[in-house]
PDB file of N, CA and C in Angstrom:
ATOM      1  N   MET A   1      96.593 116.109  91.342  1.00  0.00           N
ATOM      2  CA  MET A   1      97.318 115.213  92.216  1.00  0.00           C
ATOM      3  C   MET A   1      97.975 116.035  93.327  1.00  0.00           C
ATOM      4  N   LEU A   2      97.912 115.515  94.539  1.00  0.00           N
ATOM      5  CA  LEU A   2      98.556 116.156  95.686  1.00  0.00           C
ATOM      6  C   LEU A   2      99.829 115.385  96.008  1.00  0.00           C
ATOM      7  N   VAL A   3     100.929 116.099  96.202  1.00  0.00           N
ATOM      8  CA  VAL A   3     102.224 115.483  96.498  1.00  0.00           C
ATOM      9  C   VAL A   3     102.661 115.912  97.896  1.00  0.00           C
ATOM     10  N   ASN A   4     103.074 114.934  98.686  1.00  0.00           N
ATOM     11  CA  ASN A   4     103.611 115.188 100.014  1.00  0.00           C
ATOM     12  C   ASN A   4     105.062 114.721  99.995  1.00  0.00           C
ATOM     13  N   ILE A   5     105.970 115.623 100.288  1.00  0.00           N
ATOM     14  CA  ILE A   5     107.393 115.291 100.403  1.00  0.00           C
ATOM     15  C   ILE A   5     107.772 115.446 101.865  1.00  0.00           C
ATOM     16  N   THR A   6     108.269 114.380 102.451  1.00  0.00           N
ATOM     17  CA  THR A   6     108.634 114.387 103.866  1.00  0.00           C
ATOM     18  C   THR A   6     110.104 114.007 104.001  1.00  0.00           C
ATOM     19  N   ILE A   7     110.842 114.780 104.780  1.00  0.00           N
ATOM     20  CA  ILE A   7     112.252 114.514 105.056  1.00  0.00           C
ATOM     21  C   ILE A   7     112.389 114.176 106.542  1.00  0.00           C
ATOM     22  N   GLN A   8     113.008 113.037 106.824  1.00  0.00           N
ATOM     23  CA  GLN A   8     113.298 112.656 108.204  1.00  0.00           C
ATOM     24  C   GLN A   8     114.807 112.690 108.406  1.00  0.00           C
ATOM     25  N   THR A   9     115.232 113.339 109.489  1.00  0.00           N
ATOM     26  CA  THR A   9     116.648 113.415 109.843  1.00  0.00           C
ATOM     27  C   THR A   9     116.836 112.702 111.178  1.00  0.00           C
ATOM     28  N   PHE A  10     117.718 111.717 111.190  1.00  0.00           N
ATOM     29  CA  PHE A  10     117.973 110.901 112.368  1.00  0.00           C
ATOM     30  C   PHE A  10     119.311 111.282 113.000  1.00  0.00           C
ATOM     31  N   LYS A  11     119.483 110.904 114.272  1.00  0.00           N
ATOM     32  CA  LYS A  11     120.728 111.207 114.981  1.00  0.00           C
ATOM     33  C   LYS A  11     121.868 110.295 114.564  1.00  0.00           C
ATOM     34  N   SER A  12     121.540 109.088 114.080  1.00  0.00           N
ATOM     35  CA  SER A  12     122.601 108.140 113.737  1.00  0.00           C
ATOM     36  C   SER A  12     122.152 107.223 112.605  1.00  0.00           C
ATOM     37  N   GLU A  13     123.125 106.550 112.022  1.00  0.00           N
ATOM     38  CA  GLU A  13     122.863 105.552 110.987  1.00  0.00           C
ATOM     39  C   GLU A  13     121.997 104.421 111.536  1.00  0.00           C
ATOM     40  N   MET A  14     122.263 104.028 112.762  1.00  0.00           N
ATOM     41  CA  MET A  14     121.525 102.937 113.388  1.00  0.00           C
ATOM     42  C   MET A  14     120.030 103.278 113.509  1.00  0.00           C
ATOM     43  N   GLU A  15     119.723 104.483 113.901  1.00  0.00           N
ATOM     44  CA  GLU A  15     118.321 104.885 114.037  1.00  0.00           C
ATOM     45  C   GLU A  15     117.635 104.957 112.673  1.00  0.00           C
ATOM     46  N   LEU A  16     118.351 105.422 111.670  1.00  0.00           N
ATOM     47  CA  LEU A  16     117.804 105.445 110.315  1.00  0.00           C
ATOM     48  C   LEU A  16     117.475 104.020 109.871  1.00  0.00           C
ATOM     49  N   LYS A  17     118.417 103.101 110.050  1.00  0.00           N
ATOM     50  CA  LYS A  17     118.200 101.716 109.646  1.00  0.00           C
ATOM     51  C   LYS A  17     117.054 101.069 110.414  1.00  0.00           C
ATOM     52  N   LEU A  18     116.935 101.371 111.685  1.00  0.00           N
ATOM     53  CA  LEU A  18     115.833 100.834 112.488  1.00  0.00           C
ATOM     54  C   LEU A  18     114.495 101.334 111.948  1.00  0.00           C
ATOM     55  N   SER A  19     114.435 102.593 111.569  1.00  0.00           N
ATOM     56  CA  SER A  19     113.209 103.144 111.008  1.00  0.00           C
ATOM     57  C   SER A  19     112.826 102.422 109.713  1.00  0.00           C
ATOM     58  N   VAL A  20     113.797 102.185 108.846  1.00  0.00           N
ATOM     59  CA  VAL A  20     113.542 101.472 107.593  1.00  0.00           C
ATOM     60  C   VAL A  20     113.069 100.046 107.889  1.00  0.00           C
ATOM     61  N   GLU A  21     113.705  99.367 108.836  1.00  0.00           N
ATOM     62  CA  GLU A  21     113.316  98.005 109.192  1.00  0.00           C
ATOM     63  C   GLU A  21     111.890  97.957 109.735  1.00  0.00           C
ATOM     64  N   ARG A  22     111.537  98.904 110.566  1.00  0.00           N
ATOM     65  CA  ARG A  22     110.173  98.944 111.113  1.00  0.00           C
ATOM     66  C   ARG A  22     109.152  99.099 109.991  1.00  0.00           C
ATOM     67  N   TRP A  23     109.407 100.038 109.096  1.00  0.00           N
ATOM     68  CA  TRP A  23     108.476 100.263 107.996  1.00  0.00           C
ATOM     69  C   TRP A  23     108.382  99.015 107.117  1.00  0.00           C
ATOM     70  N   ASN A  24     109.523  98.415 106.804  1.00  0.00           N
ATOM     71  CA  ASN A  24     109.519  97.216 105.971  1.00  0.00           C
ATOM     72  C   ASN A  24     108.731  96.072 106.599  1.00  0.00           C
ATOM     73  N   SER A  25     108.683  96.032 107.916  1.00  0.00           N
ATOM     74  CA  SER A  25     107.975  94.947 108.605  1.00  0.00           C
ATOM     75  C   SER A  25     106.450  95.085 108.531  1.00  0.00           C
ATOM     76  N   VAL A  26     105.939  96.261 108.181  1.00  0.00           N
ATOM     77  CA  VAL A  26     104.476  96.456 108.148  1.00  0.00           C
ATOM     78  C   VAL A  26     103.940  96.951 106.808  1.00  0.00           C
ATOM     79  N   LYS A  27     104.803  97.380 105.912  1.00  0.00           N
ATOM     80  CA  LYS A  27     104.310  98.059 104.713  1.00  0.00           C
ATOM     81  C   LYS A  27     103.451  97.174 103.820  1.00  0.00           C
ATOM     82  N   ASP A  28     103.773  95.886 103.699  1.00  0.00           N
ATOM     83  CA  ASP A  28     102.954  95.022 102.849  1.00  0.00           C
ATOM     84  C   ASP A  28     101.525  94.895 103.374  1.00  0.00           C
ATOM     85  N   GLU A  29     101.370  95.009 104.676  1.00  0.00           N
ATOM     86  CA  GLU A  29     100.045  94.953 105.293  1.00  0.00           C
ATOM     87  C   GLU A  29      99.243  96.223 105.015  1.00  0.00           C
ATOM     88  N   TYR A  30      99.916  97.371 105.005  1.00  0.00           N
ATOM     89  CA  TYR A  30      99.211  98.647 104.934  1.00  0.00           C
ATOM     90  C   TYR A  30      99.134  99.273 103.543  1.00  0.00           C
ATOM     91  N   MET A  31     100.047  98.940 102.656  1.00  0.00           N
ATOM     92  CA  MET A  31     100.032  99.574 101.335  1.00  0.00           C
ATOM     93  C   MET A  31      98.709  99.354 100.585  1.00  0.00           C
ATOM     94  N   PRO A  32      98.079  98.169 100.640  1.00  0.00           N
ATOM     95  CA  PRO A  32      96.779  98.023  99.970  1.00  0.00           C
ATOM     96  C   PRO A  32      95.705  98.965 100.544  1.00  0.00           C
ATOM     97  N   LEU A  33      95.776  99.235 101.844  1.00  0.00           N
ATOM     98  CA  LEU A  33      94.815 100.155 102.467  1.00  0.00           C
ATOM     99  C   LEU A  33      95.028 101.573 101.951  1.00  0.00           C
ATOM    100  N   PHE A  34      96.293 101.972 101.819  1.00  0.00           N
ATOM    101  CA  PHE A  34      96.596 103.298 101.277  1.00  0.00           C
ATOM    102  C   PHE A  34      96.087 103.415  99.836  1.00  0.00           C
ATOM    103  N   LYS A  35      96.282 102.360  99.066  1.00  0.00           N
ATOM    104  CA  LYS A  35      95.814 102.370  97.674  1.00  0.00           C
ATOM    105  C   LYS A  35      94.303 102.567  97.612  1.00  0.00           C
ATOM    106  N   GLU A  36      93.574 101.856  98.473  1.00  0.00           N
ATOM    107  CA  GLU A  36      92.109 101.997  98.523  1.00  0.00           C
ATOM    108  C   GLU A  36      91.686 103.427  98.824  1.00  0.00           C
ATOM    109  N   LYS A  37      92.481 104.132  99.623  1.00  0.00           N
ATOM    110  CA  LYS A  37      92.130 105.494 100.044  1.00  0.00           C
ATOM    111  C   LYS A  37      92.622 106.570  99.078  1.00  0.00           C
ATOM    112  N   GLY A  38      93.392 106.177  98.045  1.00  0.00           N
ATOM    113  CA  GLY A  38      93.779 107.161  97.039  1.00  0.00           C
ATOM    114  C   GLY A  38      95.259 107.471  96.925  1.00  0.00           C
ATOM    115  N   LEU A  39      96.126 106.697  97.609  1.00  0.00           N
ATOM    116  CA  LEU A  39      97.565 106.874  97.406  1.00  0.00           C
ATOM    117  C   LEU A  39      97.912 106.275  96.048  1.00  0.00           C
ATOM    118  N   LYS A  40      98.483 107.077  95.176  1.00  0.00           N
ATOM    119  CA  LYS A  40      98.801 106.640  93.821  1.00  0.00           C
ATOM    120  C   LYS A  40     100.225 106.102  93.690  1.00  0.00           C
ATOM    121  N   ARG A  41     101.129 106.687  94.463  1.00  0.00           N
ATOM    122  CA  ARG A  41     102.536 106.289  94.349  1.00  0.00           C
ATOM    123  C   ARG A  41     103.264 106.658  95.637  1.00  0.00           C
ATOM    124  N   TYR A  42     104.239 105.816  95.989  1.00  0.00           N
ATOM    125  CA  TYR A  42     105.049 106.029  97.183  1.00  0.00           C
ATOM    126  C   TYR A  42     106.498 105.748  96.821  1.00  0.00           C
ATOM    127  N   THR A  43     107.385 106.613  97.267  1.00  0.00           N
ATOM    128  CA  THR A  43     108.818 106.433  97.037  1.00  0.00           C
ATOM    129  C   THR A  43     109.564 106.802  98.311  1.00  0.00           C
ATOM    130  N   CYS A  44     110.584 106.001  98.649  1.00  0.00           N
ATOM    131  CA  CYS A  44     111.474 106.327  99.767  1.00  0.00           C
ATOM    132  C   CYS A  44     112.889 106.409  99.221  1.00  0.00           C
ATOM    133  N   THR A  45     113.604 107.456  99.597  1.00  0.00           N
ATOM    134  CA  THR A  45     114.977 107.623  99.155  1.00  0.00           C
ATOM    135  C   THR A  45     115.896 107.828 100.350  1.00  0.00           C
ATOM    136  N   ARG A  46     117.111 107.365 100.204  1.00  0.00           N
ATOM    137  CA  ARG A  46     118.156 107.662 101.190  1.00  0.00           C
ATOM    138  C   ARG A  46     118.871 108.897 100.661  1.00  0.00           C
ATOM    139  N   ILE A  47     118.816 109.982 101.390  1.00  0.00           N
ATOM    140  CA  ILE A  47     119.460 111.224 100.962  1.00  0.00           C
ATOM    141  C   ILE A  47     120.954 111.097 101.234  1.00  0.00           C
ATOM    142  N   TRP A  48     121.745 111.204 100.194  1.00  0.00           N
ATOM    143  CA  TRP A  48     123.178 110.951 100.317  1.00  0.00           C
ATOM    144  C   TRP A  48     124.041 112.178 100.060  1.00  0.00           C
ATOM    145  N   ASN A  49     123.460 113.264  99.583  1.00  0.00           N
ATOM    146  CA  ASN A  49     124.308 114.418  99.263  1.00  0.00           C
ATOM    147  C   ASN A  49     124.452 115.401 100.429  1.00  0.00           C
ATOM    148  N   LYS A  50     123.981 115.036 101.592  1.00  0.00           N
ATOM    149  CA  LYS A  50     124.147 115.865 102.787  1.00  0.00           C
ATOM    150  C   LYS A  50     125.093 115.129 103.733  1.00  0.00           C
ATOM    151  N   LYS A  51     126.351 115.463 103.641  1.00  0.00           N
ATOM    152  CA  LYS A  51     127.376 114.791 104.440  1.00  0.00           C
ATOM    153  C   LYS A  51     127.080 114.943 105.932  1.00  0.00           C
ATOM    154  N   GLU A  52     127.401 113.898 106.664  1.00  0.00           N
ATOM    155  CA  GLU A  52     127.241 113.892 108.122  1.00  0.00           C
ATOM    156  C   GLU A  52     125.781 113.970 108.568  1.00  0.00           C
ATOM    157  N   LYS A  53     124.828 113.688 107.670  1.00  0.00           N
ATOM    158  CA  LYS A  53     123.416 113.645 108.041  1.00  0.00           C
ATOM    159  C   LYS A  53     122.866 112.282 107.679  1.00  0.00           C
ATOM    160  N   TYR A  54     121.919 111.841 108.468  1.00  0.00           N
ATOM    161  CA  TYR A  54     121.274 110.548 108.255  1.00  0.00           C
ATOM    162  C   TYR A  54     119.821 110.845 107.909  1.00  0.00           C
ATOM    163  N   GLN A  55     119.530 110.897 106.612  1.00  0.00           N
ATOM    164  CA  GLN A  55     118.217 111.362 106.173  1.00  0.00           C
ATOM    165  C   GLN A  55     117.541 110.399 105.206  1.00  0.00           C
ATOM    166  N   LEU A  56     116.214 110.346 105.351  1.00  0.00           N
ATOM    167  CA  LEU A  56     115.352 109.654 104.406  1.00  0.00           C
ATOM    168  C   LEU A  56     114.403 110.678 103.813  1.00  0.00           C
ATOM    169  N   GLY A  57     114.088 110.505 102.543  1.00  0.00           N
ATOM    170  CA  GLY A  57     113.111 111.352 101.880  1.00  0.00           C
ATOM    171  C   GLY A  57     111.977 110.485 101.359  1.00  0.00           C
ATOM    172  N   TYR A  58     110.764 110.896 101.631  1.00  0.00           N
ATOM    173  CA  TYR A  58     109.580 110.160 101.192  1.00  0.00           C
ATOM    174  C   TYR A  58     108.780 111.046 100.254  1.00  0.00           C
ATOM    175  N   ILE A  59     108.278 110.450  99.185  1.00  0.00           N
ATOM    176  CA  ILE A  59     107.388 111.153  98.272  1.00  0.00           C
ATOM    177  C   ILE A  59     106.107 110.341  98.194  1.00  0.00           C
ATOM    178  N   PHE A  60     105.009 110.981  98.555  1.00  0.00           N
ATOM    179  CA  PHE A  60     103.691 110.359  98.488  1.00  0.00           C
ATOM    180  C   PHE A  60     102.864 111.133  97.469  1.00  0.00           C
ATOM    181  N   GLU A  61     102.312 110.436  96.500  1.00  0.00           N
ATOM    182  CA  GLU A  61     101.469 111.064  95.497  1.00  0.00           C
ATOM    183  C   GLU A  61     100.042 110.553  95.698  1.00  0.00           C
ATOM    184  N   TYR A  62      99.159 111.469  96.055  1.00  0.00           N
ATOM    185  CA  TYR A  62      97.757 111.142  96.321  1.00  0.00           C
ATOM    186  C   TYR A  62      96.878 111.641  95.187  1.00  0.00           C
ATOM    187  N   HIS A  63      95.724 110.998  95.038  1.00  0.00           N
ATOM    188  CA  HIS A  63      94.766 111.427  94.027  1.00  0.00           C
ATOM    189  C   HIS A  63      94.376 112.896  94.232  1.00  0.00           C
ATOM    190  N   ASP A  64      94.138 113.267  95.495  1.00  0.00           N
ATOM    191  CA  ASP A  64      93.737 114.637  95.832  1.00  0.00           C
ATOM    192  C   ASP A  64      93.895 114.844  97.338  1.00  0.00           C
ATOM    193  N   GLU A  65      93.513 116.021  97.804  1.00  0.00           N
ATOM    194  CA  GLU A  65      93.646 116.335  99.229  1.00  0.00           C
ATOM    195  C   GLU A  65      92.792 115.408 100.090  1.00  0.00           C
ATOM    196  N   LYS A  66      91.600 115.083  99.629  1.00  0.00           N
ATOM    197  CA  LYS A  66      90.735 114.172 100.385  1.00  0.00           C
ATOM    198  C   LYS A  66      91.412 112.816 100.579  1.00  0.00           C
ATOM    199  N   SER A  67      92.041 112.317  99.530  1.00  0.00           N
ATOM    200  CA  SER A  67      92.746 111.036  99.627  1.00  0.00           C
ATOM    201  C   SER A  67      93.832 111.086 100.696  1.00  0.00           C
ATOM    202  N   MET A  68      94.600 112.181 100.718  1.00  0.00           N
ATOM    203  CA  MET A  68      95.646 112.323 101.725  1.00  0.00           C
ATOM    204  C   MET A  68      95.033 112.306 103.127  1.00  0.00           C
ATOM    205  N   LYS A  69      93.965 113.059 103.311  1.00  0.00           N
ATOM    206  CA  LYS A  69      93.316 113.104 104.629  1.00  0.00           C
ATOM    207  C   LYS A  69      92.729 111.748 105.009  1.00  0.00           C
ATOM    208  N   ASP A  70      92.211 111.014 104.022  1.00  0.00           N
ATOM    209  CA  ASP A  70      91.661 109.690 104.299  1.00  0.00           C
ATOM    210  C   ASP A  70      92.744 108.696 104.709  1.00  0.00           C
ATOM    211  N   CYS A  71      93.987 108.943 104.312  1.00  0.00           N
ATOM    212  CA  CYS A  71      95.103 108.059 104.678  1.00  0.00           C
ATOM    213  C   CYS A  71      95.663 108.357 106.070  1.00  0.00           C
ATOM    214  N   LEU A  72      95.390 109.531 106.607  1.00  0.00           N
ATOM    215  CA  LEU A  72      95.962 109.902 107.911  1.00  0.00           C
ATOM    216  C   LEU A  72      95.633 108.922 109.031  1.00  0.00           C
ATOM    217  N   PRO A  73      94.381 108.421 109.141  1.00  0.00           N
ATOM    218  CA  PRO A  73      94.112 107.445 110.206  1.00  0.00           C
ATOM    219  C   PRO A  73      94.932 106.159 110.071  1.00  0.00           C
ATOM    220  N   ILE A  74      95.266 105.780 108.853  1.00  0.00           N
ATOM    221  CA  ILE A  74      96.101 104.591 108.650  1.00  0.00           C
ATOM    222  C   ILE A  74      97.495 104.856 109.211  1.00  0.00           C
ATOM    223  N   TRP A  75      98.038 106.045 108.909  1.00  0.00           N
ATOM    224  CA  TRP A  75      99.356 106.406 109.458  1.00  0.00           C
ATOM    225  C   TRP A  75      99.321 106.405 110.982  1.00  0.00           C
ATOM    226  N   GLN A  76      98.240 106.916 111.562  1.00  0.00           N
ATOM    227  CA  GLN A  76      98.126 106.946 113.022  1.00  0.00           C
ATOM    228  C   GLN A  76      98.093 105.535 113.605  1.00  0.00           C
ATOM    229  N   LYS A  77      97.413 104.633 112.922  1.00  0.00           N
ATOM    230  CA  LYS A  77      97.353 103.241 113.377  1.00  0.00           C
ATOM    231  C   LYS A  77      98.745 102.602 113.347  1.00  0.00           C
ATOM    232  N   ILE A  78      99.509 102.898 112.310  1.00  0.00           N
ATOM    233  CA  ILE A  78     100.871 102.364 112.215  1.00  0.00           C
ATOM    234  C   ILE A  78     101.727 102.903 113.357  1.00  0.00           C
ATOM    235  N   GLU A  79     101.612 104.181 113.641  1.00  0.00           N
ATOM    236  CA  GLU A  79     102.388 104.801 114.732  1.00  0.00           C
ATOM    237  C   GLU A  79     102.127 104.116 116.070  1.00  0.00           C
ATOM    238  N   LEU A  80     100.893 103.688 116.300  1.00  0.00           N
ATOM    239  CA  LEU A  80     100.543 103.044 117.567  1.00  0.00           C
ATOM    240  C   LEU A  80     101.212 101.688 117.742  1.00  0.00           C
ATOM    241  N   LYS A  81     101.671 101.078 116.657  1.00  0.00           N
ATOM    242  CA  LYS A  81     102.320  99.770 116.731  1.00  0.00           C
ATOM    243  C   LYS A  81     103.646  99.832 117.497  1.00  0.00           C
ATOM    244  N   TRP A  82     104.284 100.981 117.456  1.00  0.00           N
ATOM    245  CA  TRP A  82     105.616 101.090 118.033  1.00  0.00           C
ATOM    246  C   TRP A  82     105.572 101.893 119.328  1.00  0.00           C
ATOM    247  N   LYS A  83     105.890 101.224 120.418  1.00  0.00           N
ATOM    248  CA  LYS A  83     105.870 101.890 121.723  1.00  0.00           C
ATOM    249  C   LYS A  83     107.030 102.868 121.848  1.00  0.00           C
ATOM    250  N   GLU A  84     108.202 102.438 121.386  1.00  0.00           N
ATOM    251  CA  GLU A  84     109.375 103.307 121.458  1.00  0.00           C
ATOM    252  C   GLU A  84     109.499 104.106 120.168  1.00  0.00           C
ATOM    253  N   LYS A  85     109.536 105.397 120.300  1.00  0.00           N
ATOM    254  CA  LYS A  85     109.701 106.265 119.135  1.00  0.00           C
ATOM    255  C   LYS A  85     111.186 106.373 118.785  1.00  0.00           C
ATOM    256  N   ILE A  86     111.454 106.466 117.511  1.00  0.00           N
ATOM    257  CA  ILE A  86     112.822 106.719 117.062  1.00  0.00           C
ATOM    258  C   ILE A  86     112.940 108.226 116.910  1.00  0.00           C
ATOM    259  N   GLU A  87     113.808 108.808 117.699  1.00  0.00           N
ATOM    260  CA  GLU A  87     113.935 110.263 117.682  1.00  0.00           C
ATOM    261  C   GLU A  87     114.421 110.733 116.315  1.00  0.00           C
ATOM    262  N   ASN A  88     113.693 111.675 115.747  1.00  0.00           N
ATOM    263  CA  ASN A  88     114.073 112.257 114.468  1.00  0.00           C
ATOM    264  C   ASN A  88     113.359 113.584 114.289  1.00  0.00           C
ATOM    265  N   ILE A  89     113.844 114.337 113.344  1.00  0.00           N
ATOM    266  CA  ILE A  89     113.178 115.584 112.960  1.00  0.00           C
ATOM    267  C   ILE A  89     112.497 115.303 111.630  1.00  0.00           C
ATOM    268  N   THR A  90     111.188 115.527 111.588  1.00  0.00           N
ATOM    269  CA  THR A  90     110.404 115.267 110.390  1.00  0.00           C
ATOM    270  C   THR A  90     109.830 116.577 109.877  1.00  0.00           C
ATOM    271  N   VAL A  91     110.079 116.858 108.599  1.00  0.00           N
ATOM    272  CA  VAL A  91     109.558 118.064 107.964  1.00  0.00           C
ATOM    273  C   VAL A  91     108.797 117.637 106.716  1.00  0.00           C
ATOM    274  N   GLY A  92     107.556 118.083 106.609  1.00  0.00           N
ATOM    275  CA  GLY A  92     106.729 117.719 105.467  1.00  0.00           C
ATOM    276  C   GLY A  92     106.368 118.927 104.616  1.00  0.00           C
ATOM    277  N   TYR A  93     106.275 118.685 103.332  1.00  0.00           N
ATOM    278  CA  TYR A  93     105.885 119.719 102.370  1.00  0.00           C
ATOM    279  C   TYR A  93     104.768 119.136 101.514  1.00  0.00           C
ATOM    280  N   ARG A  94     103.715 119.903 101.296  1.00  0.00           N
ATOM    281  CA  ARG A  94     102.611 119.448 100.470  1.00  0.00           C
ATOM    282  C   ARG A  94     102.385 120.435  99.347  1.00  0.00           C
ATOM    283  N   GLY A  95     102.094 119.893  98.181  1.00  0.00           N
ATOM    284  CA  GLY A  95     101.851 120.748  97.032  1.00  0.00           C
ATOM    285  C   GLY A  95     101.016 120.047  95.984  1.00  0.00           C
ATOM    286  N   ILE A  96     100.570 120.806  95.023  1.00  0.00           N
ATOM    287  CA  ILE A  96      99.796 120.310  93.899  1.00  0.00           C
ATOM    288  C   ILE A  96     100.741 120.150  92.706  1.00  0.00           C
ATOM    289  N   LEU A  97     100.653 119.035  92.025  1.00  0.00           N
ATOM    290  CA  LEU A  97     101.487 118.782  90.860  1.00  0.00           C
ATOM    291  C   LEU A  97     101.126 119.768  89.749  1.00  0.00           C
ATOM    292  N   ILE A  98     102.120 120.525  89.272  1.00  0.00           N
ATOM    293  CA  ILE A  98     101.862 121.487  88.200  1.00  0.00           C
ATOM    294  C   ILE A  98     102.605 121.139  86.917  1.00  0.00           C
ATOM    295  N   ASP A  99     103.548 120.198  86.985  1.00  0.00           N
ATOM    296  CA  ASP A  99     104.268 119.797  85.783  1.00  0.00           C
ATOM    297  C   ASP A  99     104.824 118.402  86.019  1.00  0.00           C
ATOM    298  N   ASN A 100     104.894 117.613  84.962  1.00  0.00           N
ATOM    299  CA  ASN A 100     105.396 116.254  85.089  1.00  0.00           C
ATOM    300  C   ASN A 100     105.915 115.799  83.732  1.00  0.00           C
ATOM    301  N   HIS A 101     107.083 115.234  83.707  1.00  0.00           N
ATOM    302  CA  HIS A 101     107.633 114.644  82.496  1.00  0.00           C
ATOM    303  C   HIS A 101     108.186 113.289  82.893  1.00  0.00           C
ATOM    304  N   ASP A 102     107.603 112.222  82.376  1.00  0.00           N
ATOM    305  CA  ASP A 102     107.935 110.869  82.811  1.00  0.00           C
ATOM    306  C   ASP A 102     108.560 110.096  81.664  1.00  0.00           C
ATOM    307  N   TYR A 103     109.862 109.862  81.714  1.00  0.00           N
ATOM    308  CA  TYR A 103     110.566 109.121  80.674  1.00  0.00           C
ATOM    309  C   TYR A 103     110.358 107.614  80.799  1.00  0.00           C
ATOM    310  N   THR A 104     109.795 107.154  81.920  1.00  0.00           N
ATOM    311  CA  THR A 104     109.624 105.719  82.107  1.00  0.00           C
ATOM    312  C   THR A 104     108.424 105.172  81.345  1.00  0.00           C
ATOM    313  N   LYS A 105     107.546 106.046  80.867  1.00  0.00           N
ATOM    314  CA  LYS A 105     106.368 105.613  80.106  1.00  0.00           C
ATOM    315  C   LYS A 105     106.576 105.907  78.633  1.00  0.00           C
ATOM    316  N   SER A 106     106.369 104.918  77.826  1.00  0.00           N
ATOM    317  CA  SER A 106     106.571 105.090  76.385  1.00  0.00           C
ATOM    318  C   SER A 106     105.305 105.551  75.691  1.00  0.00           C
TER     319      SER A 106
END
C-alpha cells in the first residue's frame, strides 16, 4: 500500500474553511472515480496542535504507486473547477506502509 500524507497551511481560518467547503461541494462526485482507480482510504484532519496555524492534514491510502498515478488526472480535473486559487503552502510525503495495527477491526 502507498500512503500519501499532505499538509496544507493557510493564511487564515477563512481560507481554510473555504477550502473545506470547496472540497465538500465536489467530493461525492469524485470519490467513486478515485475508488475505481485504486484509492483505498481517505482521511482529512484539522491540525490543532500547532497554535496560530491554520492547517489541514490529508491521508490518502492507495493500492500501489500505479493507483496513485492513475488518480492524478482526477485531481487535475478538480483543480480546473476553481478559477480562484486559495493561497496555501502544500507539502506532500509519500511512503510505503511497513506496519499497521488497527483496533477498529475485530
